[in-house]
Amino acid sequence: MPDQLIREGPSKYPPRLLGCLFLLSLLLLPTSGIGYTDRIVAVVNKEVITWFDLQNEIQDEHSRLKAKYRGEELERRYTQKQREVLNALIIERLQLQEAKAKGISVTQEEIDATLRRTPLPPTQTEEEFGQQLLLKKLFDFEVRRNVVVEEEELRRYYEANTNIFRKPTQYRLKQIFLEAQDEIARLRAKTKAQVIFSDWNAETPMEDLAARHAQVVNELGWVEEKDLVAPLAQALKELIPGTLSKPIDTQAGVHLLIVEEVKEPQPYPFEQVEREIHAQLLKQRGEEAYNEWINKLKQQAFIDVKF
């Protein structure tokens, strides 16, 4: 009898109809409740960018920001990032539309040839790679081929910025080095280095000083600050040429340095930096030309942002 109270008779609706009714009920539910809301966030000419498109590009960004920020600051930064990514998607759509209008495309042979030289990044599909290849092809056609830098411009830039194209200060160094592979050896090395330092005077050649204490002098030759480990580079800044440094402790051991000679910064010859200047100006001009071109595309397009 209890079974009869809970058992229902056969449905008057066919199973297939029941399935359709179930799907229809899901479609009629408020989509925010099941987490699949989609909507248009921008219209670019006749194409739409949806909320899903945006979230697909920014899906990892919220987690990254959440690790650093909380509350209103998190939401502010995330909203700002969403707007930046949406703007990038709009620019990408404009370029793809322009490529189609100009009849510029990328063949599978071109994609395959490029992939033989450049392996496909693990985070990118071949379709996405092909799209990036198409955007580069469009950039070369619309922007890069029109960017020219004359040799006279290179020379003018060089002469106006000689402080940028200078060889760093160079130092000719010698040292007495006491190796220390453990704490006991380090303590002994520090003590001995201090004794050697106390015994030094300006009239004593470093070789004689080293010999008196059963040490040898190492010629380091010409070096720059970037060539030295941090403690030595820092000591070098404070060291007067011809004077012996106080003992300097590094991972390898203890050092006593002396600066034999200093070469002040000198400008590189123009010929030596010409290619670097050309690349720098070409990049700068290319970015300016690209931004002008994108602004022109935006002005000519119908763009409606609904975000």
Protein backbone atom coordinates (compact mmCIF):
# COMPACT_ATOMS: atom_id res chain seq x y z
CA MET A 1 0.00 0.00 0.00
CA PRO A 2 2.76 2.58 0.79
CA ASP A 3 4.22 1.84 -2.66
CA GLN A 4 0.92 2.71 -4.22
CA LEU A 5 1.05 6.09 -2.52
CA ILE A 6 4.34 7.10 -4.20
CA ARG A 7 4.15 5.22 -7.52
CA GLU A 8 2.80 7.22 -10.46
CA GLY A 9 1.11 5.88 -13.55
CA PRO A 10 2.62 6.11 -17.05
CA SER A 11 3.09 9.64 -18.44
CA LYS A 12 0.59 10.86 -20.98
CA TYR A 13 3.52 12.59 -22.88
CA PRO A 14 5.92 10.70 -25.19
CA PRO A 15 9.58 10.59 -23.92
CA ARG A 16 10.89 12.68 -26.86
CA LEU A 17 8.34 15.43 -26.09
CA LEU A 18 9.31 15.36 -22.43
CA GLY A 19 12.96 15.91 -23.41
CA CYS A 20 12.03 18.91 -25.56
CA LEU A 21 9.93 20.38 -22.77
CA PHE A 22 12.87 19.97 -20.35
CA LEU A 23 15.28 21.79 -22.70
CA LEU A 24 12.71 24.53 -23.25
CA SER A 25 12.37 25.00 -19.51
CA LEU A 26 16.15 25.45 -19.22
CA LEU A 27 16.15 28.07 -21.95
CA LEU A 28 13.37 29.97 -20.16
CA LEU A 29 15.24 29.99 -16.84
CA PRO A 30 17.15 33.17 -15.87
CA THR A 31 20.58 32.47 -17.37
CA SER A 32 22.49 34.21 -14.58
CA GLY A 33 21.28 31.50 -12.23
CA ILE A 34 23.13 28.76 -14.11
CA GLY A 35 26.21 30.80 -14.99
CA TYR A 36 25.99 30.82 -18.79
CA THR A 37 24.87 34.39 -19.52
CA ASP A 38 25.97 35.65 -22.92
CA ARG A 39 25.33 39.03 -24.44
CA ILE A 40 26.74 41.45 -26.98
CA VAL A 41 29.44 43.71 -25.55
CA ALA A 42 30.45 45.45 -28.77
CA VAL A 43 29.44 45.77 -32.41
CA VAL A 44 32.20 46.33 -34.98
CA ASN A 45 30.63 47.20 -38.31
CA LYS A 46 28.39 44.15 -38.91
CA GLU A 47 30.17 41.81 -36.50
CA VAL A 48 29.50 41.34 -32.80
CA ILE A 49 31.83 40.64 -29.88
CA THR A 50 30.08 38.69 -27.15
CA TRP A 51 30.60 38.39 -23.43
CA PHE A 52 31.88 34.86 -24.02
CA ASP A 53 34.46 36.19 -26.50
CA LEU A 54 35.70 38.64 -23.88
CA GLN A 55 35.78 36.09 -21.06
CA ASN A 56 37.66 33.62 -23.25
CA GLU A 57 40.47 36.17 -23.59
CA ILE A 58 40.52 37.23 -19.95
CA GLN A 59 39.64 34.01 -18.13
CA ASP A 60 42.90 33.78 -16.13
CA GLU A 61 43.16 37.47 -15.34
CA HIS A 62 40.67 37.52 -12.43
CA SER A 63 42.63 34.81 -10.58
CA ARG A 64 45.88 36.69 -11.12
CA LEU A 65 44.43 39.96 -9.83
CA LYS A 66 42.65 38.22 -6.94
CA ALA A 67 46.05 37.07 -5.65
CA LYS A 68 47.05 40.75 -5.21
CA TYR A 69 43.87 42.74 -4.58
CA ARG A 70 40.58 42.54 -2.70
CA GLY A 71 37.18 44.18 -2.70
CA GLU A 72 36.59 47.38 -4.65
CA GLU A 73 40.22 47.61 -5.79
CA LEU A 74 39.99 44.11 -7.28
CA GLU A 75 36.78 44.95 -9.14
CA ARG A 76 38.17 48.28 -10.35
CA ARG A 77 41.31 46.69 -11.74
CA TYR A 78 39.40 43.78 -13.28
CA THR A 79 36.93 46.13 -14.98
CA GLN A 80 39.84 48.19 -16.30
CA LYS A 81 41.47 45.02 -17.65
CA GLN A 82 38.21 43.96 -19.29
CA ARG A 83 38.01 47.29 -21.09
CA GLU A 84 41.63 46.99 -22.27
CA VAL A 85 41.04 43.48 -23.61
CA LEU A 86 37.76 44.52 -25.26
CA ASN A 87 39.55 47.38 -27.00
CA ALA A 88 42.19 44.90 -28.23
CA LEU A 89 39.43 42.61 -29.57
CA ILE A 90 37.83 45.55 -31.39
CA ILE A 91 41.17 46.47 -32.97
CA GLU A 92 41.72 42.85 -33.98
CA ARG A 93 38.26 42.66 -35.62
CA LEU A 94 38.90 45.91 -37.50
CA GLN A 95 42.17 44.53 -38.87
CA LEU A 96 40.64 41.19 -39.88
CA GLN A 97 37.84 43.03 -41.66
CA GLU A 98 40.39 45.26 -43.41
CA ALA A 99 42.40 42.23 -44.51
CA LYS A 100 39.25 40.69 -46.00
CA ALA A 101 38.35 43.95 -47.75
CA LYS A 102 41.85 44.21 -49.23
CA GLY A 103 41.89 40.58 -50.32
CA ILE A 104 44.81 39.72 -48.03
CA SER A 105 44.85 36.15 -46.79
CA VAL A 106 47.18 33.43 -45.53
CA THR A 107 47.32 30.03 -47.20
CA GLN A 108 47.82 26.72 -45.44
CA GLU A 109 51.17 26.43 -47.25
CA GLU A 110 52.30 29.72 -45.69
CA ILE A 111 51.23 28.54 -42.24
CA ASP A 112 53.04 25.21 -42.67
CA ALA A 113 56.20 26.92 -43.94
CA THR A 114 56.22 29.30 -40.96
CA LEU A 115 55.62 26.48 -38.49
CA ARG A 116 58.63 24.63 -39.89
CA ARG A 117 60.75 27.63 -38.84
CA THR A 118 58.82 28.55 -35.69
CA PRO A 119 57.22 25.80 -33.58
CA LEU A 120 53.58 26.36 -32.59
CA PRO A 121 53.37 27.85 -29.06
CA PRO A 122 51.73 25.36 -26.64
CA THR A 123 49.01 27.88 -25.69
CA GLN A 124 48.01 28.63 -29.30
CA THR A 125 45.99 26.67 -31.84
CA GLU A 126 47.01 26.50 -35.48
CA GLU A 127 43.96 28.60 -36.37
CA GLU A 128 45.02 31.31 -33.91
CA PHE A 129 48.57 31.12 -35.25
CA GLY A 130 47.29 31.58 -38.79
CA GLN A 131 45.28 34.61 -37.69
CA GLN A 132 48.37 36.20 -36.13
CA LEU A 133 50.26 35.49 -39.35
CA LEU A 134 47.49 37.24 -41.28
CA LEU A 135 47.65 40.29 -39.00
CA LYS A 136 51.42 40.49 -39.50
CA LYS A 137 50.98 40.25 -43.26
CA LEU A 138 48.43 43.06 -43.14
CA PHE A 139 50.73 45.17 -40.93
CA ASP A 140 53.62 44.71 -43.37
CA PHE A 141 51.39 45.75 -46.28
CA GLU A 142 49.66 48.71 -44.64
CA VAL A 143 52.35 50.06 -42.29
CA ARG A 144 55.84 48.61 -42.43
CA ARG A 145 56.48 49.08 -46.14
CA ASN A 146 55.71 52.80 -45.81
CA VAL A 147 58.10 53.41 -42.89
CA VAL A 148 61.49 54.70 -44.05
CA VAL A 149 64.42 56.08 -42.04
CA GLU A 150 67.06 58.06 -43.95
CA GLU A 151 70.77 57.95 -43.04
CA GLU A 152 70.74 61.69 -42.30
CA GLU A 153 68.12 61.04 -39.62
CA LEU A 154 70.34 58.37 -38.08
CA ARG A 155 73.25 60.77 -37.80
CA ARG A 156 71.09 63.55 -36.36
CA TYR A 157 69.72 61.15 -33.74
CA TYR A 158 73.23 59.94 -32.90
CA GLU A 159 74.60 63.47 -32.46
CA ALA A 160 71.63 64.52 -30.33
CA ASN A 161 71.94 61.46 -28.05
CA THR A 162 75.64 60.74 -27.67
CA ASN A 163 75.08 60.25 -23.93
CA ILE A 164 73.03 57.13 -24.77
CA PHE A 165 75.64 55.60 -27.06
CA ARG A 166 78.60 55.62 -24.68
CA LYS A 167 80.91 52.90 -23.55
CA PRO A 168 80.54 52.40 -19.78
CA THR A 169 83.38 53.31 -17.43
CA GLN A 170 86.08 50.64 -17.46
CA TYR A 171 88.47 49.74 -14.64
CA ARG A 172 91.77 47.88 -14.71
CA LEU A 173 91.79 45.82 -11.53
CA LYS A 174 94.09 43.67 -9.46
CA GLN A 175 93.14 41.67 -6.43
CA ILE A 176 94.41 39.51 -3.62
CA PHE A 177 91.89 36.74 -3.17
CA LEU A 178 91.51 34.46 -0.18
CA GLU A 179 89.24 31.50 -0.93
CA ALA A 180 86.69 30.43 1.70
CA GLN A 181 84.64 27.27 1.14
CA ASP A 182 83.20 26.95 4.65
CA GLU A 183 82.58 29.14 7.69
CA ILE A 184 85.85 28.29 9.43
CA ALA A 185 87.85 29.06 6.30
CA ARG A 186 85.86 32.29 5.84
CA LEU A 187 86.67 33.44 9.37
CA ARG A 188 90.36 32.78 8.79
CA ALA A 189 90.26 34.53 5.40
CA LYS A 190 88.61 37.63 6.90
CA THR A 191 91.19 37.78 9.67
CA LYS A 192 94.12 37.40 7.27
CA ALA A 193 92.64 39.92 4.81
CA GLN A 194 92.33 42.47 7.60
CA VAL A 195 95.99 41.91 8.54
CA ILE A 196 97.04 42.42 4.88
CA PHE A 197 94.91 45.55 4.60
CA SER A 198 96.43 47.01 7.78
CA ASP A 199 99.93 46.35 6.39
CA TRP A 200 99.28 48.24 3.13
CA ASN A 201 100.46 51.78 2.33
CA ALA A 202 100.45 53.79 -0.88
CA GLU A 203 104.21 53.27 -1.44
CA THR A 204 103.99 49.48 -1.25
CA PRO A 205 103.44 47.69 -4.59
CA MET A 206 100.62 45.19 -4.34
CA GLU A 207 102.90 42.35 -5.43
CA ASP A 208 105.30 43.05 -2.54
CA LEU A 209 102.40 43.26 -0.10
CA ALA A 210 101.06 39.91 -1.29
CA ALA A 211 104.47 38.25 -1.13
CA ARG A 212 104.97 39.37 2.49
CA HIS A 213 101.82 37.43 3.40
CA ALA A 214 102.39 34.41 1.16
CA GLN A 215 99.67 35.47 -1.29
CA VAL A 216 99.55 36.13 -5.03
CA VAL A 217 98.11 39.01 -7.06
CA ASN A 218 95.45 38.24 -9.68
CA GLU A 219 95.22 40.52 -12.72
CA LEU A 220 91.54 40.99 -13.54
CA GLY A 221 92.26 43.25 -16.51
CA TRP A 222 89.74 45.76 -17.85
CA VAL A 223 86.24 45.23 -16.48
CA GLU A 224 82.94 47.07 -16.19
CA GLU A 225 80.67 47.18 -13.15
CA LYS A 226 78.25 44.71 -14.79
CA ASP A 227 81.08 42.13 -15.01
CA LEU A 228 81.44 41.93 -11.22
CA VAL A 229 79.34 40.34 -8.49
CA ALA A 230 77.31 42.85 -6.49
CA PRO A 231 79.65 43.32 -3.46
CA LEU A 232 82.65 43.98 -5.74
CA ALA A 233 80.67 46.32 -8.02
CA GLN A 234 79.48 48.31 -5.01
CA ALA A 235 83.00 48.57 -3.56
CA LEU A 236 84.30 49.70 -6.95
CA LYS A 237 82.02 52.76 -6.90
CA GLU A 238 83.59 53.93 -3.65
CA LEU A 239 87.19 52.99 -4.39
CA ILE A 240 89.75 55.70 -5.19
CA PRO A 241 92.24 54.62 -7.91
CA GLY A 242 95.58 53.57 -6.42
CA THR A 243 94.15 52.69 -3.02
CA LEU A 244 93.51 49.23 -1.62
CA SER A 245 89.95 48.31 -0.72
CA LYS A 246 88.91 47.05 2.66
CA PRO A 247 88.24 43.27 2.73
CA ILE A 248 85.19 42.48 0.57
CA ASP A 249 83.17 39.39 1.41
CA THR A 250 81.57 37.37 -1.45
CA GLN A 251 80.25 33.82 -1.78
CA ALA A 252 83.62 32.68 -3.14
CA GLY A 253 85.77 34.21 -0.41
CA VAL A 254 87.38 37.51 0.62
CA HIS A 255 88.84 40.06 -1.83
CA LEU A 256 91.24 42.98 -1.58
CA LEU A 257 90.88 45.14 -4.73
CA ILE A 258 92.97 47.91 -6.19
CA VAL A 259 92.07 50.07 -9.21
CA GLU A 260 95.13 50.51 -11.41
CA GLU A 261 93.56 52.67 -14.11
CA VAL A 262 90.18 54.10 -15.15
CA LYS A 263 88.80 54.73 -18.64
CA GLU A 264 86.02 57.30 -18.57
CA PRO A 265 82.91 56.73 -20.72
CA GLN A 266 83.54 57.33 -24.41
CA PRO A 267 80.98 57.56 -27.24
CA TYR A 268 80.80 54.57 -29.57
CA PRO A 269 81.69 55.37 -33.21
CA PHE A 270 78.59 56.07 -35.30
CA GLU A 271 79.30 53.06 -37.54
CA GLN A 272 79.24 50.76 -34.52
CA VAL A 273 75.75 51.83 -33.40
CA GLU A 274 74.19 52.71 -36.76
CA ARG A 275 72.20 49.47 -37.02
CA GLU A 276 70.96 49.80 -33.43
CA ILE A 277 69.77 53.38 -34.09
CA HIS A 278 68.11 52.32 -37.34
CA ALA A 279 66.21 49.51 -35.59
CA GLN A 280 65.18 51.84 -32.76
CA LEU A 281 63.88 54.58 -35.08
CA LEU A 282 62.19 52.04 -37.34
CA LYS A 283 60.35 50.59 -34.34
CA GLN A 284 59.37 54.05 -33.12
CA ARG A 285 58.13 55.18 -36.54
CA GLY A 286 56.35 51.86 -37.07
CA GLU A 287 54.44 52.23 -33.79
CA GLU A 288 53.45 55.80 -34.67
CA ALA A 289 52.30 54.78 -38.17
CA TYR A 290 50.41 51.78 -36.77
CA ASN A 291 48.53 53.91 -34.22
CA GLU A 292 47.60 56.43 -36.91
CA TRP A 293 46.34 53.64 -39.16
CA ILE A 294 44.28 52.05 -36.35
CA ASN A 295 42.75 55.43 -35.47
CA LYS A 296 41.81 55.88 -39.12
CA LEU A 297 40.16 52.44 -39.19
CA LYS A 298 38.21 53.33 -36.04
CA GLN A 299 37.04 56.63 -37.49
CA GLN A 300 35.80 54.92 -40.64
CA ALA A 301 34.06 52.09 -38.80
CA PHE A 302 30.78 51.72 -36.93
CA ILE A 303 31.72 50.76 -33.36
CA ASP A 304 29.11 50.43 -30.61
CA VAL A 305 30.46 49.39 -27.22
CA LYS A 306 27.78 48.01 -24.89
CA PHE A 307 30.06 47.04 -22.02
